[in-house]
Amino acid sequence: MANSGTTCTVTGDIELPGDLSAVGWRIVFTLSRVDTNGAQVILPEPVAATVQEDGAVSVDLWRTAAGDANAVYIVTAGWQAKAQPWPDHRA
C-alpha cells in the first residue's frame, strides 16, 4: 500500500434488504488499472474488508486522486462459508 499521505480510510454501514444480516460478508476494492503517483507504481491488488456484527466496514485505500491514470475502484461484495478460501482476484 502507498504511504499514509496517499491513503484514506473508507467507512460505511452495509444493510441488506429484508433485514438480512451482512455479517461475514466481504467487500473487495480493486483498482481498475495500474496507476502511478510520480515514480511510485500502484498495482491493482484487491483490498478486502469484512463486515462487522453491527454492519460496519472500514478499509484503508490508496487515494485515486493522487494518481496519474484516472483509475477508479471496482467494488464487489459477497459471502463465503468460512471453510472455503476467498477467491484470489489477482488473476
N, C-alpha and C. Protein backbone atom coordinates (compact mmCIF):
# COMPACT_ATOMS: atom_id res chain seq x y z
N MET A 1 0.86 -1.18 0.00
CA MET A 1 0.00 0.00 0.00
C MET A 1 0.90 1.23 0.00
N ALA A 2 0.39 2.27 -0.59
CA ALA A 2 1.13 3.53 -0.67
C ALA A 2 1.31 4.13 0.72
N ASN A 3 2.16 5.16 0.81
CA ASN A 3 2.39 5.77 2.12
C ASN A 3 1.13 6.46 2.63
N SER A 4 1.09 6.76 3.91
CA SER A 4 -0.12 7.29 4.55
C SER A 4 -0.56 8.62 3.98
N GLY A 5 0.33 9.36 3.31
CA GLY A 5 -0.06 10.63 2.71
C GLY A 5 -0.97 10.45 1.50
N THR A 6 -0.99 9.24 0.94
CA THR A 6 -1.84 8.99 -0.21
C THR A 6 -2.89 7.92 0.07
N THR A 7 -3.17 7.67 1.33
CA THR A 7 -4.23 6.72 1.68
C THR A 7 -5.31 7.43 2.48
N CYS A 8 -6.48 6.81 2.49
CA CYS A 8 -7.57 7.33 3.32
C CYS A 8 -8.37 6.14 3.83
N THR A 9 -9.08 6.35 4.92
CA THR A 9 -9.92 5.31 5.48
C THR A 9 -11.34 5.49 4.96
N VAL A 10 -11.87 4.44 4.35
CA VAL A 10 -13.23 4.45 3.84
C VAL A 10 -14.07 3.63 4.81
N THR A 11 -15.16 4.22 5.29
CA THR A 11 -16.03 3.53 6.24
C THR A 11 -17.47 3.56 5.75
N GLY A 12 -18.26 2.66 6.24
CA GLY A 12 -19.67 2.65 5.88
C GLY A 12 -20.41 1.56 6.62
N ASP A 13 -21.71 1.55 6.42
CA ASP A 13 -22.58 0.53 7.00
C ASP A 13 -23.23 -0.25 5.87
N ILE A 14 -23.23 -1.55 5.98
CA ILE A 14 -23.81 -2.42 4.97
C ILE A 14 -25.14 -2.94 5.48
N GLU A 15 -26.19 -2.69 4.72
CA GLU A 15 -27.52 -3.18 5.06
C GLU A 15 -28.07 -3.94 3.87
N LEU A 16 -28.60 -5.13 4.13
CA LEU A 16 -29.21 -5.93 3.08
C LEU A 16 -30.72 -5.80 3.17
N PRO A 17 -31.44 -5.99 2.08
CA PRO A 17 -32.90 -5.89 2.13
C PRO A 17 -33.51 -7.00 2.98
N GLY A 18 -34.69 -6.74 3.49
CA GLY A 18 -35.40 -7.75 4.26
C GLY A 18 -34.78 -8.07 5.60
N ASP A 19 -34.02 -7.14 6.16
CA ASP A 19 -33.37 -7.35 7.46
C ASP A 19 -32.42 -8.54 7.49
N LEU A 20 -31.89 -8.92 6.34
CA LEU A 20 -30.90 -9.99 6.30
C LEU A 20 -29.59 -9.47 6.88
N SER A 21 -28.84 -10.33 7.50
CA SER A 21 -27.57 -9.94 8.10
C SER A 21 -26.44 -9.97 7.07
N ALA A 22 -25.60 -8.96 7.09
CA ALA A 22 -24.42 -8.91 6.22
C ALA A 22 -23.16 -9.34 6.96
N VAL A 23 -23.31 -9.83 8.19
CA VAL A 23 -22.16 -10.26 8.97
C VAL A 23 -21.40 -11.35 8.22
N GLY A 24 -20.11 -11.19 8.11
CA GLY A 24 -19.28 -12.16 7.42
C GLY A 24 -19.10 -11.87 5.94
N TRP A 25 -19.86 -10.95 5.41
CA TRP A 25 -19.66 -10.57 4.00
C TRP A 25 -18.33 -9.87 3.88
N ARG A 26 -17.76 -9.94 2.68
CA ARG A 26 -16.52 -9.23 2.41
C ARG A 26 -16.75 -8.27 1.27
N ILE A 27 -16.21 -7.09 1.45
CA ILE A 27 -16.25 -6.06 0.43
C ILE A 27 -14.83 -5.97 -0.12
N VAL A 28 -14.68 -6.09 -1.44
CA VAL A 28 -13.36 -6.11 -2.05
C VAL A 28 -13.24 -4.91 -2.99
N PHE A 29 -12.18 -4.14 -2.81
CA PHE A 29 -11.89 -2.96 -3.61
C PHE A 29 -10.66 -3.28 -4.47
N THR A 30 -10.77 -3.09 -5.79
CA THR A 30 -9.65 -3.34 -6.69
C THR A 30 -9.55 -2.19 -7.68
N LEU A 31 -8.37 -1.63 -7.82
CA LEU A 31 -8.18 -0.55 -8.79
C LEU A 31 -8.47 -1.06 -10.19
N SER A 32 -9.02 -0.19 -11.03
CA SER A 32 -9.39 -0.58 -12.39
C SER A 32 -8.18 -0.74 -13.31
N ARG A 33 -7.04 -0.19 -12.93
CA ARG A 33 -5.83 -0.29 -13.76
C ARG A 33 -4.62 0.07 -12.89
N VAL A 34 -3.45 -0.21 -13.41
CA VAL A 34 -2.22 0.24 -12.77
C VAL A 34 -2.22 1.77 -12.80
N ASP A 35 -1.80 2.38 -11.70
CA ASP A 35 -1.73 3.84 -11.65
C ASP A 35 -0.36 4.23 -11.12
N THR A 36 -0.03 5.48 -11.26
CA THR A 36 1.24 5.99 -10.75
C THR A 36 1.01 7.28 -9.98
N ASN A 37 1.92 7.53 -9.07
CA ASN A 37 1.95 8.78 -8.32
C ASN A 37 3.41 9.21 -8.37
N GLY A 38 3.76 9.95 -9.42
CA GLY A 38 5.17 10.27 -9.66
C GLY A 38 5.90 9.00 -10.05
N ALA A 39 6.95 8.66 -9.32
CA ALA A 39 7.72 7.44 -9.61
C ALA A 39 7.11 6.20 -8.94
N GLN A 40 6.12 6.38 -8.07
CA GLN A 40 5.50 5.27 -7.36
C GLN A 40 4.46 4.59 -8.25
N VAL A 41 4.53 3.26 -8.37
CA VAL A 41 3.59 2.49 -9.16
C VAL A 41 2.60 1.82 -8.21
N ILE A 42 1.32 1.99 -8.47
CA ILE A 42 0.28 1.40 -7.64
C ILE A 42 -0.39 0.29 -8.45
N LEU A 43 -0.26 -0.95 -7.98
CA LEU A 43 -0.82 -2.10 -8.68
C LEU A 43 -2.27 -2.34 -8.26
N PRO A 44 -3.08 -2.90 -9.13
CA PRO A 44 -4.48 -3.17 -8.80
C PRO A 44 -4.66 -4.42 -7.95
N GLU A 45 -4.05 -4.43 -6.78
CA GLU A 45 -4.18 -5.54 -5.83
C GLU A 45 -5.50 -5.41 -5.09
N PRO A 46 -6.25 -6.50 -4.90
CA PRO A 46 -7.51 -6.40 -4.15
C PRO A 46 -7.25 -6.09 -2.68
N VAL A 47 -8.10 -5.25 -2.11
CA VAL A 47 -8.06 -4.93 -0.69
C VAL A 47 -9.44 -5.28 -0.13
N ALA A 48 -9.48 -6.20 0.83
CA ALA A 48 -10.76 -6.69 1.33
C ALA A 48 -11.03 -6.20 2.75
N ALA A 49 -12.31 -6.02 3.03
CA ALA A 49 -12.76 -5.68 4.38
C ALA A 49 -13.95 -6.57 4.71
N THR A 50 -13.99 -7.09 5.94
CA THR A 50 -15.09 -7.94 6.38
C THR A 50 -16.11 -7.10 7.14
N VAL A 51 -17.38 -7.32 6.83
CA VAL A 51 -18.46 -6.60 7.51
C VAL A 51 -18.54 -7.10 8.95
N GLN A 52 -18.57 -6.16 9.90
CA GLN A 52 -18.61 -6.48 11.33
C GLN A 52 -20.04 -6.79 11.77
N GLU A 53 -20.20 -7.23 13.02
CA GLU A 53 -21.51 -7.62 13.54
C GLU A 53 -22.54 -6.50 13.49
N ASP A 54 -22.09 -5.25 13.63
CA ASP A 54 -23.02 -4.12 13.60
C ASP A 54 -23.25 -3.60 12.17
N GLY A 55 -22.69 -4.31 11.15
CA GLY A 55 -22.86 -3.90 9.76
C GLY A 55 -21.80 -2.93 9.28
N ALA A 56 -20.88 -2.53 10.16
CA ALA A 56 -19.86 -1.55 9.81
C ALA A 56 -18.74 -2.20 9.01
N VAL A 57 -18.15 -1.39 8.12
CA VAL A 57 -17.00 -1.83 7.35
C VAL A 57 -16.02 -0.65 7.29
N SER A 58 -14.72 -0.96 7.38
CA SER A 58 -13.70 0.07 7.35
C SER A 58 -12.47 -0.50 6.66
N VAL A 59 -11.90 0.30 5.74
CA VAL A 59 -10.74 -0.17 4.99
C VAL A 59 -9.89 1.03 4.59
N ASP A 60 -8.57 0.85 4.62
CA ASP A 60 -7.64 1.89 4.17
C ASP A 60 -7.33 1.66 2.70
N LEU A 61 -7.57 2.68 1.88
CA LEU A 61 -7.35 2.59 0.44
C LEU A 61 -6.44 3.70 -0.04
N TRP A 62 -5.77 3.42 -1.15
CA TRP A 62 -4.96 4.44 -1.81
C TRP A 62 -5.91 5.46 -2.43
N ARG A 63 -5.58 6.73 -2.28
CA ARG A 63 -6.42 7.81 -2.82
C ARG A 63 -6.21 7.92 -4.33
N THR A 64 -7.23 7.62 -5.10
CA THR A 64 -7.10 7.66 -6.56
C THR A 64 -6.86 9.08 -7.07
N ALA A 65 -7.25 10.09 -6.31
CA ALA A 65 -7.00 11.47 -6.72
C ALA A 65 -5.50 11.78 -6.78
N ALA A 66 -4.69 10.97 -6.10
CA ALA A 66 -3.24 11.17 -6.11
C ALA A 66 -2.59 10.58 -7.35
N GLY A 67 -3.35 9.83 -8.13
CA GLY A 67 -2.78 9.12 -9.27
C GLY A 67 -2.78 9.91 -10.56
N ASP A 68 -2.10 9.35 -11.55
CA ASP A 68 -1.95 9.97 -12.85
C ASP A 68 -2.79 9.31 -13.93
N ALA A 69 -3.37 8.13 -13.68
CA ALA A 69 -4.02 7.35 -14.73
C ALA A 69 -5.55 7.33 -14.63
N ASN A 70 -6.13 8.14 -13.76
CA ASN A 70 -7.59 8.18 -13.60
C ASN A 70 -8.20 6.83 -13.24
N ALA A 71 -7.49 6.05 -12.45
CA ALA A 71 -8.02 4.76 -12.00
C ALA A 71 -9.18 4.99 -11.04
N VAL A 72 -10.08 4.03 -11.00
CA VAL A 72 -11.19 4.03 -10.06
C VAL A 72 -11.20 2.68 -9.36
N TYR A 73 -11.93 2.57 -8.27
CA TYR A 73 -12.05 1.29 -7.60
C TYR A 73 -13.27 0.54 -8.12
N ILE A 74 -13.07 -0.73 -8.40
CA ILE A 74 -14.17 -1.64 -8.70
C ILE A 74 -14.47 -2.34 -7.38
N VAL A 75 -15.75 -2.28 -6.96
CA VAL A 75 -16.12 -2.80 -5.65
C VAL A 75 -17.03 -4.01 -5.85
N THR A 76 -16.67 -5.11 -5.20
CA THR A 76 -17.51 -6.30 -5.22
C THR A 76 -17.80 -6.72 -3.80
N ALA A 77 -18.89 -7.44 -3.62
CA ALA A 77 -19.28 -7.90 -2.29
C ALA A 77 -19.76 -9.34 -2.40
N GLY A 78 -19.53 -10.08 -1.35
CA GLY A 78 -20.00 -11.45 -1.36
C GLY A 78 -19.79 -12.12 -0.02
N TRP A 79 -20.40 -13.27 0.12
CA TRP A 79 -20.29 -14.05 1.35
C TRP A 79 -19.80 -15.43 0.97
N GLN A 80 -18.92 -15.97 1.80
CA GLN A 80 -18.47 -17.34 1.63
C GLN A 80 -18.38 -18.00 2.97
N ALA A 81 -18.68 -19.28 2.97
CA ALA A 81 -18.54 -20.06 4.21
C ALA A 81 -17.09 -20.02 4.65
N LYS A 82 -16.87 -20.02 5.94
CA LYS A 82 -15.51 -19.91 6.47
C LYS A 82 -14.62 -21.07 6.03
N ALA A 83 -15.20 -22.21 5.72
CA ALA A 83 -14.40 -23.37 5.33
C ALA A 83 -13.83 -23.23 3.93
N GLN A 84 -14.38 -22.30 3.14
CA GLN A 84 -13.90 -22.12 1.78
C GLN A 84 -12.95 -20.95 1.71
N PRO A 85 -11.88 -21.06 0.93
CA PRO A 85 -10.96 -19.92 0.79
C PRO A 85 -11.61 -18.82 -0.03
N TRP A 86 -11.26 -17.59 0.27
CA TRP A 86 -11.74 -16.46 -0.51
C TRP A 86 -10.99 -16.45 -1.83
N PRO A 87 -11.69 -16.27 -2.96
CA PRO A 87 -11.00 -16.36 -4.26
C PRO A 87 -9.95 -15.26 -4.43
N ASP A 88 -8.91 -15.60 -5.17
CA ASP A 88 -7.85 -14.65 -5.46
C ASP A 88 -8.27 -13.85 -6.68
N HIS A 89 -8.48 -12.53 -6.51
CA HIS A 89 -8.98 -11.66 -7.58
C HIS A 89 -7.86 -11.12 -8.45
N ARG A 90 -6.63 -11.56 -8.21
CA ARG A 90 -5.49 -11.00 -8.95
C ARG A 90 -5.22 -11.72 -10.27
N ALA A 91 -6.11 -12.55 -10.72
CA ALA A 91 -5.89 -13.35 -11.94
C ALA A 91 -5.62 -12.51 -13.15
